[in-house]
Protein backbone atom coordinates (compact mmCIF):
# COMPACT_ATOMS: atom_id res chain seq x y z
CA UNK A 1 0.00 0.00 0.00
CA UNK A 2 1.35 3.43 -0.95
CA UNK A 3 0.63 6.33 1.38
CA UNK A 4 0.21 9.93 0.31
CA UNK A 5 2.14 12.84 1.84
CA UNK A 6 -0.55 13.81 4.35
CA UNK A 7 -0.87 10.25 5.57
CA UNK A 8 2.90 10.05 5.99
CA UNK A 9 2.82 13.34 7.94
CA UNK A 10 0.09 11.95 10.21
CA UNK A 11 2.17 8.86 10.86
CA UNK A 12 5.18 10.97 11.84
CA UNK A 13 3.07 13.03 14.25
CA UNK A 14 1.57 9.96 15.90
CA UNK A 15 4.94 8.23 16.12
CA UNK A 16 6.44 11.28 17.84
CA UNK A 17 3.56 12.29 20.15
CA UNK A 18 1.09 9.43 20.36
CA UNK A 19 -1.30 8.70 21.84
CA UNK A 20 -2.83 11.81 20.30
CA UNK A 21 -6.38 12.72 19.36
CA UNK A 22 -7.65 13.39 15.89
CA UNK A 23 -8.34 17.01 16.83
CA UNK A 24 -4.75 17.47 18.00
CA UNK A 25 -3.41 15.93 14.78
CA UNK A 26 -5.60 18.25 12.71
CA UNK A 27 -4.32 21.28 14.61
CA UNK A 28 -0.73 20.21 14.00
CA UNK A 29 -1.47 20.04 10.26
CA UNK A 30 -3.45 23.31 10.26
CA UNK A 31 -6.54 21.44 9.09
CA UNK A 32 -9.97 20.62 10.45
CA UNK A 33 -10.76 17.22 11.93
CA UNK A 34 -13.15 16.34 9.09
CA UNK A 35 -10.42 16.78 6.49
CA UNK A 36 -8.13 14.12 7.95
CA UNK A 37 -10.90 11.69 8.99
CA UNK A 38 -10.53 9.59 5.76
CA UNK A 39 -6.74 9.49 6.20
CA UNK A 40 -7.05 8.31 9.79
CA UNK A 41 -9.52 5.63 8.71
CA UNK A 42 -7.16 4.37 6.00
CA UNK A 43 -4.16 4.30 8.35
CA UNK A 44 -6.16 2.49 11.00
CA UNK A 45 -7.64 -0.11 8.63
CA UNK A 46 -4.23 -0.73 7.07
CA UNK A 47 -2.80 -1.40 10.52
CA UNK A 48 -0.40 1.54 10.72
CA UNK A 49 -2.35 3.15 13.58
CA UNK A 50 -4.40 1.84 16.46
CA UNK A 51 -7.17 3.90 18.08
CA UNK A 52 -8.62 3.78 21.58
CA UNK A 53 -11.73 5.67 22.71
CA UNK A 54 -10.95 8.71 24.90
CA UNK A 55 -7.23 8.01 24.42
CA UNK A 56 -6.50 8.72 20.77
CA UNK A 57 -4.31 7.30 18.05
CA UNK A 58 -0.99 5.60 18.57
CA UNK A 59 1.54 4.02 16.23
CA UNK A 60 1.26 0.25 15.82
CA UNK A 61 4.89 -0.23 14.82
CA UNK A 62 4.17 -1.16 11.23
CA UNK A 63 6.39 0.64 8.72
CA UNK A 64 4.91 2.14 5.54
CA UNK A 65 6.33 0.52 2.44
CA UNK A 66 6.98 1.68 -1.07
CA UNK A 67 4.62 0.61 -3.81
CA UNK A 68 5.55 -2.65 -5.49
CA UNK A 69 6.38 -0.83 -8.73
CA UNK A 70 8.72 1.55 -6.89
CA UNK A 71 10.41 -1.35 -5.14
CA UNK A 72 10.87 -3.28 -8.38
CA UNK A 73 12.37 -0.27 -10.12
CA UNK A 74 14.78 0.21 -7.22
CA UNK A 75 16.19 -3.32 -7.55
CA UNK A 76 19.56 -3.22 -9.28
CA UNK A 77 21.52 -6.00 -10.99
CA UNK A 78 24.55 -5.36 -8.79
CA UNK A 79 22.58 -6.22 -5.65
CA UNK A 80 21.39 -9.62 -6.90
CA UNK A 81 24.01 -10.90 -9.35
CA UNK A 82 25.82 -14.18 -8.78
CA UNK A 83 29.37 -15.23 -9.57
CA UNK A 84 30.18 -15.57 -13.28
CA UNK A 85 31.33 -18.89 -14.71
CA UNK A 86 33.98 -18.23 -17.35
CA UNK A 87 36.17 -20.35 -19.62
CA UNK A 88 39.08 -19.56 -21.88
CA UNK A 89 38.73 -19.30 -25.64
CA UNK A 90 41.06 -22.29 -25.92
CA UNK A 91 38.83 -24.60 -23.89
CA UNK A 92 37.72 -27.57 -25.94
CA UNK A 93 34.03 -28.24 -26.41
CA UNK A 94 34.45 -31.39 -24.31
CA UNK A 95 36.05 -29.43 -21.44
CA UNK A 96 33.32 -26.80 -21.67
CA UNK A 97 30.61 -29.46 -21.38
CA UNK A 98 32.31 -30.89 -18.29
CA UNK A 99 32.70 -27.43 -16.79
CA UNK A 100 29.07 -26.57 -17.41
CA UNK A 101 27.96 -29.82 -15.78
CA UNK A 102 30.22 -29.37 -12.73
CA UNK A 103 29.15 -25.74 -12.21
CA UNK A 104 25.46 -26.57 -12.88
CA UNK A 105 24.86 -23.55 -15.12
CA UNK A 106 23.04 -23.02 -18.39
CA UNK A 107 25.67 -20.92 -20.11
CA UNK A 108 29.38 -20.14 -19.99
CA UNK A 109 31.09 -16.82 -20.65
CA UNK A 110 34.19 -17.00 -22.81
CA UNK A 111 37.13 -14.67 -22.17
CA UNK A 112 40.43 -13.97 -23.92
CA UNK A 113 43.93 -13.84 -22.42
CA UNK A 114 43.17 -10.38 -21.01
CA UNK A 115 40.03 -11.72 -19.28
CA UNK A 116 37.79 -9.70 -21.58
CA UNK A 117 34.45 -11.09 -22.73
CA UNK A 118 34.60 -12.46 -26.26
CA UNK A 119 31.75 -14.95 -26.39
CA UNK A 120 28.93 -16.88 -24.76
CA UNK A 121 28.27 -20.62 -24.87
CA UNK A 122 24.80 -22.01 -24.29
CA UNK A 123 23.63 -25.58 -23.79
CA UNK A 124 22.23 -25.48 -27.33
CA UNK A 125 25.61 -24.48 -28.77
CA UNK A 126 27.35 -27.39 -27.08
CA UNK A 127 24.61 -29.91 -27.85
CA UNK A 128 24.49 -28.90 -31.51
CA UNK A 129 28.26 -29.35 -31.85
CA UNK A 130 28.25 -32.66 -30.02
CA UNK A 131 25.56 -34.11 -32.28
CA UNK A 132 27.34 -33.04 -35.45
CA UNK A 133 30.95 -33.76 -34.53
CA UNK A 134 32.59 -36.63 -32.64
CA UNK A 135 35.94 -34.94 -32.03
CA UNK A 136 34.68 -32.45 -29.47
CA UNK A 137 37.91 -32.74 -27.50
CA UNK A 138 39.73 -31.09 -30.43
CA UNK A 139 37.35 -28.20 -31.17
CA UNK A 140 38.06 -24.97 -29.25
CA UNK A 141 35.01 -23.16 -27.98
CA UNK A 142 35.84 -19.95 -29.84
CA UNK A 143 34.82 -21.79 -33.05
CA UNK A 144 31.22 -22.30 -31.92
CA UNK A 145 30.54 -19.53 -29.40
CA UNK A 146 28.26 -16.54 -29.94
CA UNK A 147 30.42 -13.47 -30.54
CA UNK A 148 30.07 -9.72 -30.31
CA UNK A 149 28.00 -7.83 -31.32
CA UNK A 150 25.48 -10.63 -30.76
CA UNK A 151 26.13 -10.92 -27.02
CA UNK A 152 23.47 -9.45 -24.76
CA UNK A 153 24.81 -8.20 -21.43
CA UNK A 154 23.97 -5.90 -18.53
CA UNK A 155 25.76 -3.67 -16.03
CA UNK A 156 25.46 -3.43 -12.25
CA UNK A 157 23.47 -0.22 -12.45
CA UNK A 158 20.73 -1.75 -14.63
CA UNK A 159 17.40 -2.45 -12.96
CA UNK A 160 16.17 -6.03 -12.72
CA UNK A 161 13.22 -4.96 -14.87
CA UNK A 162 15.60 -3.96 -17.66
CA UNK A 163 17.63 -7.18 -17.32
CA UNK A 164 14.42 -9.25 -17.37
CA UNK A 165 13.24 -7.55 -20.53
CA UNK A 166 16.57 -8.30 -22.25
CA UNK A 167 16.27 -12.01 -21.36
CA UNK A 168 12.69 -12.20 -22.59
CA UNK A 169 13.39 -10.30 -25.80
CA UNK A 170 16.41 -12.48 -26.63
CA UNK A 171 14.93 -15.70 -25.17
CA UNK A 172 18.04 -16.42 -23.09
CA UNK A 173 18.50 -17.74 -19.56
CA UNK A 174 21.29 -15.50 -18.28
CA UNK A 175 23.28 -12.34 -18.89
CA UNK A 176 26.92 -11.55 -18.20
CA UNK A 177 27.32 -8.54 -15.93
CA UNK A 178 30.15 -6.46 -17.34
CA UNK A 179 32.34 -3.46 -16.63
CA UNK A 180 33.73 -1.56 -19.61
CA UNK A 181 37.44 -1.10 -18.88
CA UNK A 182 38.08 0.90 -22.04
CA UNK A 183 40.13 -1.95 -23.50
CA UNK A 184 37.29 -4.45 -23.38
CA UNK A 185 34.42 -5.82 -21.34
CA UNK A 186 35.35 -7.46 -18.04
CA UNK A 187 32.89 -10.03 -16.70
CA UNK A 188 32.13 -9.30 -13.04
CA UNK A 189 28.91 -11.22 -12.51
CA UNK A 190 26.05 -13.28 -13.85
CA UNK A 191 22.33 -12.48 -13.84
CA UNK A 192 19.99 -15.42 -14.30
CA UNK A 193 16.25 -15.99 -14.38
CA UNK A 194 16.62 -17.64 -10.98
CA UNK A 195 18.29 -14.53 -9.51
CA UNK A 196 15.50 -12.34 -10.83
CA UNK A 197 12.70 -14.67 -9.73
CA UNK A 198 14.11 -14.86 -6.18
CA UNK A 199 14.45 -11.07 -6.03
CA UNK A 200 10.89 -10.43 -7.18
CA UNK A 201 9.46 -13.08 -4.84
CA UNK A 202 11.09 -11.27 -1.93
CA UNK A 203 8.69 -8.39 -2.63
CA UNK A 204 5.82 -10.56 -1.44
CA UNK A 205 7.24 -10.56 2.08
CA UNK A 206 8.07 -6.84 2.00
CA UNK A 207 4.56 -5.84 0.90
CA UNK A 208 2.37 -8.11 3.01
CA UNK A 209 -0.13 -6.09 4.99
C-alpha atoms as a PDB file:
ATOM      1  CA  UNK A   1       0.000   0.000   0.000  1.00  0.00           C
ATOM      2  CA  UNK A   2       1.355   3.426  -0.954  1.00  0.00           C
ATOM      3  CA  UNK A   3       0.632   6.330   1.382  1.00  0.00           C
ATOM      4  CA  UNK A   4       0.205   9.933   0.306  1.00  0.00           C
ATOM      5  CA  UNK A   5       2.141  12.842   1.839  1.00  0.00           C
ATOM      6  CA  UNK A   6      -0.552  13.814   4.346  1.00  0.00           C
ATOM      7  CA  UNK A   7      -0.865  10.254   5.575  1.00  0.00           C
ATOM      8  CA  UNK A   8       2.901  10.055   5.993  1.00  0.00           C
ATOM      9  CA  UNK A   9       2.815  13.345   7.942  1.00  0.00           C
ATOM     10  CA  UNK A  10       0.093  11.955  10.210  1.00  0.00           C
ATOM     11  CA  UNK A  11       2.174   8.864  10.864  1.00  0.00           C
ATOM     12  CA  UNK A  12       5.176  10.967  11.842  1.00  0.00           C
ATOM     13  CA  UNK A  13       3.065  13.034  14.252  1.00  0.00           C
ATOM     14  CA  UNK A  14       1.569   9.959  15.895  1.00  0.00           C
ATOM     15  CA  UNK A  15       4.944   8.230  16.121  1.00  0.00           C
ATOM     16  CA  UNK A  16       6.440  11.277  17.835  1.00  0.00           C
ATOM     17  CA  UNK A  17       3.557  12.293  20.148  1.00  0.00           C
ATOM     18  CA  UNK A  18       1.088   9.427  20.362  1.00  0.00           C
ATOM     19  CA  UNK A  19      -1.302   8.704  21.842  1.00  0.00           C
ATOM     20  CA  UNK A  20      -2.826  11.805  20.305  1.00  0.00           C
ATOM     21  CA  UNK A  21      -6.384  12.718  19.356  1.00  0.00           C
ATOM     22  CA  UNK A  22      -7.647  13.390  15.887  1.00  0.00           C
ATOM     23  CA  UNK A  23      -8.340  17.013  16.832  1.00  0.00           C
ATOM     24  CA  UNK A  24      -4.748  17.470  17.996  1.00  0.00           C
ATOM     25  CA  UNK A  25      -3.409  15.932  14.781  1.00  0.00           C
ATOM     26  CA  UNK A  26      -5.602  18.247  12.711  1.00  0.00           C
ATOM     27  CA  UNK A  27      -4.321  21.285  14.606  1.00  0.00           C
ATOM     28  CA  UNK A  28      -0.727  20.214  13.997  1.00  0.00           C
ATOM     29  CA  UNK A  29      -1.475  20.037  10.260  1.00  0.00           C
ATOM     30  CA  UNK A  30      -3.454  23.310  10.262  1.00  0.00           C
ATOM     31  CA  UNK A  31      -6.536  21.435   9.090  1.00  0.00           C
ATOM     32  CA  UNK A  32      -9.966  20.621  10.452  1.00  0.00           C
ATOM     33  CA  UNK A  33     -10.759  17.223  11.927  1.00  0.00           C
ATOM     34  CA  UNK A  34     -13.153  16.337   9.095  1.00  0.00           C
ATOM     35  CA  UNK A  35     -10.419  16.776   6.487  1.00  0.00           C
ATOM     36  CA  UNK A  36      -8.135  14.116   7.951  1.00  0.00           C
ATOM     37  CA  UNK A  37     -10.900  11.694   8.988  1.00  0.00           C
ATOM     38  CA  UNK A  38     -10.535   9.591   5.759  1.00  0.00           C
ATOM     39  CA  UNK A  39      -6.737   9.487   6.201  1.00  0.00           C
ATOM     40  CA  UNK A  40      -7.046   8.306   9.786  1.00  0.00           C
ATOM     41  CA  UNK A  41      -9.523   5.629   8.711  1.00  0.00           C
ATOM     42  CA  UNK A  42      -7.161   4.367   6.000  1.00  0.00           C
ATOM     43  CA  UNK A  43      -4.165   4.303   8.351  1.00  0.00           C
ATOM     44  CA  UNK A  44      -6.165   2.487  11.002  1.00  0.00           C
ATOM     45  CA  UNK A  45      -7.641  -0.110   8.633  1.00  0.00           C
ATOM     46  CA  UNK A  46      -4.226  -0.732   7.074  1.00  0.00           C
ATOM     47  CA  UNK A  47      -2.802  -1.397  10.515  1.00  0.00           C
ATOM     48  CA  UNK A  48      -0.401   1.535  10.723  1.00  0.00           C
ATOM     49  CA  UNK A  49      -2.350   3.149  13.582  1.00  0.00           C
ATOM     50  CA  UNK A  50      -4.401   1.842  16.462  1.00  0.00           C
ATOM     51  CA  UNK A  51      -7.167   3.897  18.077  1.00  0.00           C
ATOM     52  CA  UNK A  52      -8.624   3.777  21.577  1.00  0.00           C
ATOM     53  CA  UNK A  53     -11.728   5.672  22.706  1.00  0.00           C
ATOM     54  CA  UNK A  54     -10.947   8.715  24.900  1.00  0.00           C
ATOM     55  CA  UNK A  55      -7.228   8.014  24.423  1.00  0.00           C
ATOM     56  CA  UNK A  56      -6.501   8.715  20.769  1.00  0.00           C
ATOM     57  CA  UNK A  57      -4.308   7.303  18.047  1.00  0.00           C
ATOM     58  CA  UNK A  58      -0.992   5.597  18.575  1.00  0.00           C
ATOM     59  CA  UNK A  59       1.538   4.023  16.230  1.00  0.00           C
ATOM     60  CA  UNK A  60       1.258   0.254  15.822  1.00  0.00           C
ATOM     61  CA  UNK A  61       4.892  -0.230  14.818  1.00  0.00           C
ATOM     62  CA  UNK A  62       4.166  -1.161  11.231  1.00  0.00           C
ATOM     63  CA  UNK A  63       6.386   0.638   8.720  1.00  0.00           C
ATOM     64  CA  UNK A  64       4.907   2.137   5.542  1.00  0.00           C
ATOM     65  CA  UNK A  65       6.334   0.519   2.437  1.00  0.00           C
ATOM     66  CA  UNK A  66       6.979   1.681  -1.065  1.00  0.00           C
ATOM     67  CA  UNK A  67       4.624   0.614  -3.806  1.00  0.00           C
ATOM     68  CA  UNK A  68       5.549  -2.645  -5.494  1.00  0.00           C
ATOM     69  CA  UNK A  69       6.375  -0.828  -8.726  1.00  0.00           C
ATOM     70  CA  UNK A  70       8.719   1.548  -6.893  1.00  0.00           C
ATOM     71  CA  UNK A  71      10.405  -1.354  -5.138  1.00  0.00           C
ATOM     72  CA  UNK A  72      10.865  -3.279  -8.380  1.00  0.00           C
ATOM     73  CA  UNK A  73      12.371  -0.265 -10.118  1.00  0.00           C
ATOM     74  CA  UNK A  74      14.778   0.206  -7.219  1.00  0.00           C
ATOM     75  CA  UNK A  75      16.186  -3.317  -7.555  1.00  0.00           C
ATOM     76  CA  UNK A  76      19.565  -3.220  -9.282  1.00  0.00           C
ATOM     77  CA  UNK A  77      21.520  -5.995 -10.987  1.00  0.00           C
ATOM     78  CA  UNK A  78      24.554  -5.356  -8.787  1.00  0.00           C
ATOM     79  CA  UNK A  79      22.579  -6.221  -5.649  1.00  0.00           C
ATOM     80  CA  UNK A  80      21.385  -9.617  -6.898  1.00  0.00           C
ATOM     81  CA  UNK A  81      24.007 -10.903  -9.346  1.00  0.00           C
ATOM     82  CA  UNK A  82      25.825 -14.185  -8.779  1.00  0.00           C
ATOM     83  CA  UNK A  83      29.375 -15.228  -9.569  1.00  0.00           C
ATOM     84  CA  UNK A  84      30.184 -15.570 -13.280  1.00  0.00           C
ATOM     85  CA  UNK A  85      31.329 -18.892 -14.712  1.00  0.00           C
ATOM     86  CA  UNK A  86      33.978 -18.233 -17.354  1.00  0.00           C
ATOM     87  CA  UNK A  87      36.169 -20.346 -19.624  1.00  0.00           C
ATOM     88  CA  UNK A  88      39.082 -19.560 -21.882  1.00  0.00           C
ATOM     89  CA  UNK A  89      38.726 -19.302 -25.643  1.00  0.00           C
ATOM     90  CA  UNK A  90      41.060 -22.291 -25.923  1.00  0.00           C
ATOM     91  CA  UNK A  91      38.831 -24.601 -23.894  1.00  0.00           C
ATOM     92  CA  UNK A  92      37.723 -27.570 -25.937  1.00  0.00           C
ATOM     93  CA  UNK A  93      34.029 -28.240 -26.406  1.00  0.00           C
ATOM     94  CA  UNK A  94      34.452 -31.390 -24.312  1.00  0.00           C
ATOM     95  CA  UNK A  95      36.046 -29.431 -21.443  1.00  0.00           C
ATOM     96  CA  UNK A  96      33.320 -26.796 -21.674  1.00  0.00           C
ATOM     97  CA  UNK A  97      30.610 -29.462 -21.382  1.00  0.00           C
ATOM     98  CA  UNK A  98      32.308 -30.891 -18.289  1.00  0.00           C
ATOM     99  CA  UNK A  99      32.701 -27.427 -16.788  1.00  0.00           C
ATOM    100  CA  UNK A 100      29.066 -26.572 -17.411  1.00  0.00           C
ATOM    101  CA  UNK A 101      27.965 -29.825 -15.781  1.00  0.00           C
ATOM    102  CA  UNK A 102      30.215 -29.367 -12.730  1.00  0.00           C
ATOM    103  CA  UNK A 103      29.146 -25.742 -12.211  1.00  0.00           C
ATOM    104  CA  UNK A 104      25.459 -26.568 -12.877  1.00  0.00           C
ATOM    105  CA  UNK A 105      24.861 -23.552 -15.116  1.00  0.00           C
ATOM    106  CA  UNK A 106      23.037 -23.020 -18.394  1.00  0.00           C
ATOM    107  CA  UNK A 107      25.673 -20.916 -20.107  1.00  0.00           C
ATOM    108  CA  UNK A 108      29.384 -20.136 -19.990  1.00  0.00           C
ATOM    109  CA  UNK A 109      31.088 -16.821 -20.651  1.00  0.00           C
ATOM    110  CA  UNK A 110      34.190 -17.005 -22.811  1.00  0.00           C
ATOM    111  CA  UNK A 111      37.126 -14.667 -22.166  1.00  0.00           C
ATOM    112  CA  UNK A 112      40.429 -13.971 -23.919  1.00  0.00           C
ATOM    113  CA  UNK A 113      43.933 -13.836 -22.415  1.00  0.00           C
ATOM    114  CA  UNK A 114      43.168 -10.379 -21.009  1.00  0.00           C
ATOM    115  CA  UNK A 115      40.028 -11.724 -19.278  1.00  0.00           C
ATOM    116  CA  UNK A 116      37.786  -9.704 -21.578  1.00  0.00           C
ATOM    117  CA  UNK A 117      34.446 -11.091 -22.730  1.00  0.00           C
ATOM    118  CA  UNK A 118      34.605 -12.460 -26.264  1.00  0.00           C
ATOM    119  CA  UNK A 119      31.753 -14.945 -26.391  1.00  0.00           C
ATOM    120  CA  UNK A 120      28.932 -16.884 -24.756  1.00  0.00           C
ATOM    121  CA  UNK A 121      28.273 -20.622 -24.866  1.00  0.00           C
ATOM    122  CA  UNK A 122      24.802 -22.010 -24.294  1.00  0.00           C
ATOM    123  CA  UNK A 123      23.634 -25.582 -23.792  1.00  0.00           C
ATOM    124  CA  UNK A 124      22.228 -25.483 -27.326  1.00  0.00           C
ATOM    125  CA  UNK A 125      25.611 -24.476 -28.765  1.00  0.00           C
ATOM    126  CA  UNK A 126      27.349 -27.385 -27.076  1.00  0.00           C
ATOM    127  CA  UNK A 127      24.608 -29.910 -27.855  1.00  0.00           C
ATOM    128  CA  UNK A 128      24.493 -28.897 -31.508  1.00  0.00           C
ATOM    129  CA  UNK A 129      28.262 -29.348 -31.847  1.00  0.00           C
ATOM    130  CA  UNK A 130      28.252 -32.660 -30.016  1.00  0.00           C
ATOM    131  CA  UNK A 131      25.565 -34.105 -32.279  1.00  0.00           C
ATOM    132  CA  UNK A 132      27.337 -33.039 -35.453  1.00  0.00           C
ATOM    133  CA  UNK A 133      30.949 -33.765 -34.526  1.00  0.00           C
ATOM    134  CA  UNK A 134      32.585 -36.625 -32.643  1.00  0.00           C
ATOM    135  CA  UNK A 135      35.937 -34.936 -32.033  1.00  0.00           C
ATOM    136  CA  UNK A 136      34.681 -32.450 -29.471  1.00  0.00           C
ATOM    137  CA  UNK A 137      37.914 -32.740 -27.496  1.00  0.00           C
ATOM    138  CA  UNK A 138      39.734 -31.086 -30.427  1.00  0.00           C
ATOM    139  CA  UNK A 139      37.349 -28.200 -31.172  1.00  0.00           C
ATOM    140  CA  UNK A 140      38.062 -24.971 -29.250  1.00  0.00           C
ATOM    141  CA  UNK A 141      35.006 -23.155 -27.977  1.00  0.00           C
ATOM    142  CA  UNK A 142      35.844 -19.946 -29.845  1.00  0.00           C
ATOM    143  CA  UNK A 143      34.825 -21.785 -33.046  1.00  0.00           C
ATOM    144  CA  UNK A 144      31.222 -22.305 -31.919  1.00  0.00           C
ATOM    145  CA  UNK A 145      30.536 -19.529 -29.397  1.00  0.00           C
ATOM    146  CA  UNK A 146      28.260 -16.537 -29.939  1.00  0.00           C
ATOM    147  CA  UNK A 147      30.418 -13.469 -30.542  1.00  0.00           C
ATOM    148  CA  UNK A 148      30.073  -9.723 -30.314  1.00  0.00           C
ATOM    149  CA  UNK A 149      27.996  -7.833 -31.316  1.00  0.00           C
ATOM    150  CA  UNK A 150      25.478 -10.626 -30.764  1.00  0.00           C
ATOM    151  CA  UNK A 151      26.134 -10.924 -27.019  1.00  0.00           C
ATOM    152  CA  UNK A 152      23.474  -9.450 -24.756  1.00  0.00           C
ATOM    153  CA  UNK A 153      24.814  -8.202 -21.428  1.00  0.00           C
ATOM    154  CA  UNK A 154      23.969  -5.896 -18.534  1.00  0.00           C
ATOM    155  CA  UNK A 155      25.762  -3.670 -16.028  1.00  0.00           C
ATOM    156  CA  UNK A 156      25.462  -3.432 -12.251  1.00  0.00           C
ATOM    157  CA  UNK A 157      23.466  -0.216 -12.453  1.00  0.00           C
ATOM    158  CA  UNK A 158      20.728  -1.746 -14.626  1.00  0.00           C
ATOM    159  CA  UNK A 159      17.403  -2.451 -12.964  1.00  0.00           C
ATOM    160  CA  UNK A 160      16.165  -6.028 -12.717  1.00  0.00           C
ATOM    161  CA  UNK A 161      13.224  -4.957 -14.869  1.00  0.00           C
ATOM    162  CA  UNK A 162      15.601  -3.964 -17.660  1.00  0.00           C
ATOM    163  CA  UNK A 163      17.627  -7.180 -17.318  1.00  0.00           C
ATOM    164  CA  UNK A 164      14.424  -9.251 -17.367  1.00  0.00           C
ATOM    165  CA  UNK A 165      13.243  -7.554 -20.535  1.00  0.00           C
ATOM    166  CA  UNK A 166      16.569  -8.303 -22.249  1.00  0.00           C
ATOM    167  CA  UNK A 167      16.272 -12.008 -21.359  1.00  0.00           C
ATOM    168  CA  UNK A 168      12.694 -12.201 -22.586  1.00  0.00           C
ATOM    169  CA  UNK A 169      13.390 -10.300 -25.804  1.00  0.00           C
ATOM    170  CA  UNK A 170      16.409 -12.482 -26.631  1.00  0.00           C
ATOM    171  CA  UNK A 171      14.931 -15.699 -25.167  1.00  0.00           C
ATOM    172  CA  UNK A 172      18.036 -16.423 -23.095  1.00  0.00           C
ATOM    173  CA  UNK A 173      18.499 -17.739 -19.561  1.00  0.00           C
ATOM    174  CA  UNK A 174      21.290 -15.498 -18.284  1.00  0.00           C
ATOM    175  CA  UNK A 175      23.283 -12.341 -18.893  1.00  0.00           C
ATOM    176  CA  UNK A 176      26.919 -11.546 -18.200  1.00  0.00           C
ATOM    177  CA  UNK A 177      27.324  -8.537 -15.933  1.00  0.00           C
ATOM    178  CA  UNK A 178      30.147  -6.455 -17.337  1.00  0.00           C
ATOM    179  CA  UNK A 179      32.340  -3.464 -16.635  1.00  0.00           C
ATOM    180  CA  UNK A 180      33.727  -1.559 -19.610  1.00  0.00           C
ATOM    181  CA  UNK A 181      37.442  -1.099 -18.879  1.00  0.00           C
ATOM    182  CA  UNK A 182      38.082   0.896 -22.041  1.00  0.00           C
ATOM    183  CA  UNK A 183      40.132  -1.954 -23.501  1.00  0.00           C
ATOM    184  CA  UNK A 184      37.290  -4.448 -23.385  1.00  0.00           C
ATOM    185  CA  UNK A 185      34.417  -5.820 -21.341  1.00  0.00           C
ATOM    186  CA  UNK A 186      35.347  -7.456 -18.041  1.00  0.00           C
ATOM    187  CA  UNK A 187      32.890 -10.034 -16.698  1.00  0.00           C
ATOM    188  CA  UNK A 188      32.132  -9.301 -13.042  1.00  0.00           C
ATOM    189  CA  UNK A 189      28.908 -11.225 -12.509  1.00  0.00           C
ATOM    190  CA  UNK A 190      26.046 -13.275 -13.847  1.00  0.00           C
ATOM    191  CA  UNK A 191      22.330 -12.475 -13.838  1.00  0.00           C
ATOM    192  CA  UNK A 192      19.990 -15.423 -14.300  1.00  0.00           C
ATOM    193  CA  UNK A 193      16.254 -15.985 -14.378  1.00  0.00           C
ATOM    194  CA  UNK A 194      16.625 -17.641 -10.980  1.00  0.00           C
ATOM    195  CA  UNK A 195      18.286 -14.530  -9.514  1.00  0.00           C
ATOM    196  CA  UNK A 196      15.498 -12.342 -10.828  1.00  0.00           C
ATOM    197  CA  UNK A 197      12.700 -14.670  -9.725  1.00  0.00           C
ATOM    198  CA  UNK A 198      14.113 -14.857  -6.181  1.00  0.00           C
ATOM    199  CA  UNK A 199      14.454 -11.067  -6.028  1.00  0.00           C
ATOM    200  CA  UNK A 200      10.887 -10.434  -7.180  1.00  0.00           C
ATOM    201  CA  UNK A 201       9.464 -13.084  -4.844  1.00  0.00           C
ATOM    202  CA  UNK A 202      11.094 -11.266  -1.935  1.00  0.00           C
ATOM    203  CA  UNK A 203       8.692  -8.390  -2.627  1.00  0.00           C
ATOM    204  CA  UNK A 204       5.824 -10.562  -1.440  1.00  0.00           C
ATOM    205  CA  UNK A 205       7.240 -10.562   2.084  1.00  0.00           C
ATOM    206  CA  UNK A 206       8.066  -6.842   1.999  1.00  0.00           C
ATOM    207  CA  UNK A 207       4.565  -5.838   0.901  1.00  0.00           C
ATOM    208  CA  UNK A 208       2.373  -8.113   3.014  1.00  0.00           C
ATOM    209  CA  UNK A 209      -0.127  -6.094   4.991  1.00  0.00           C
END
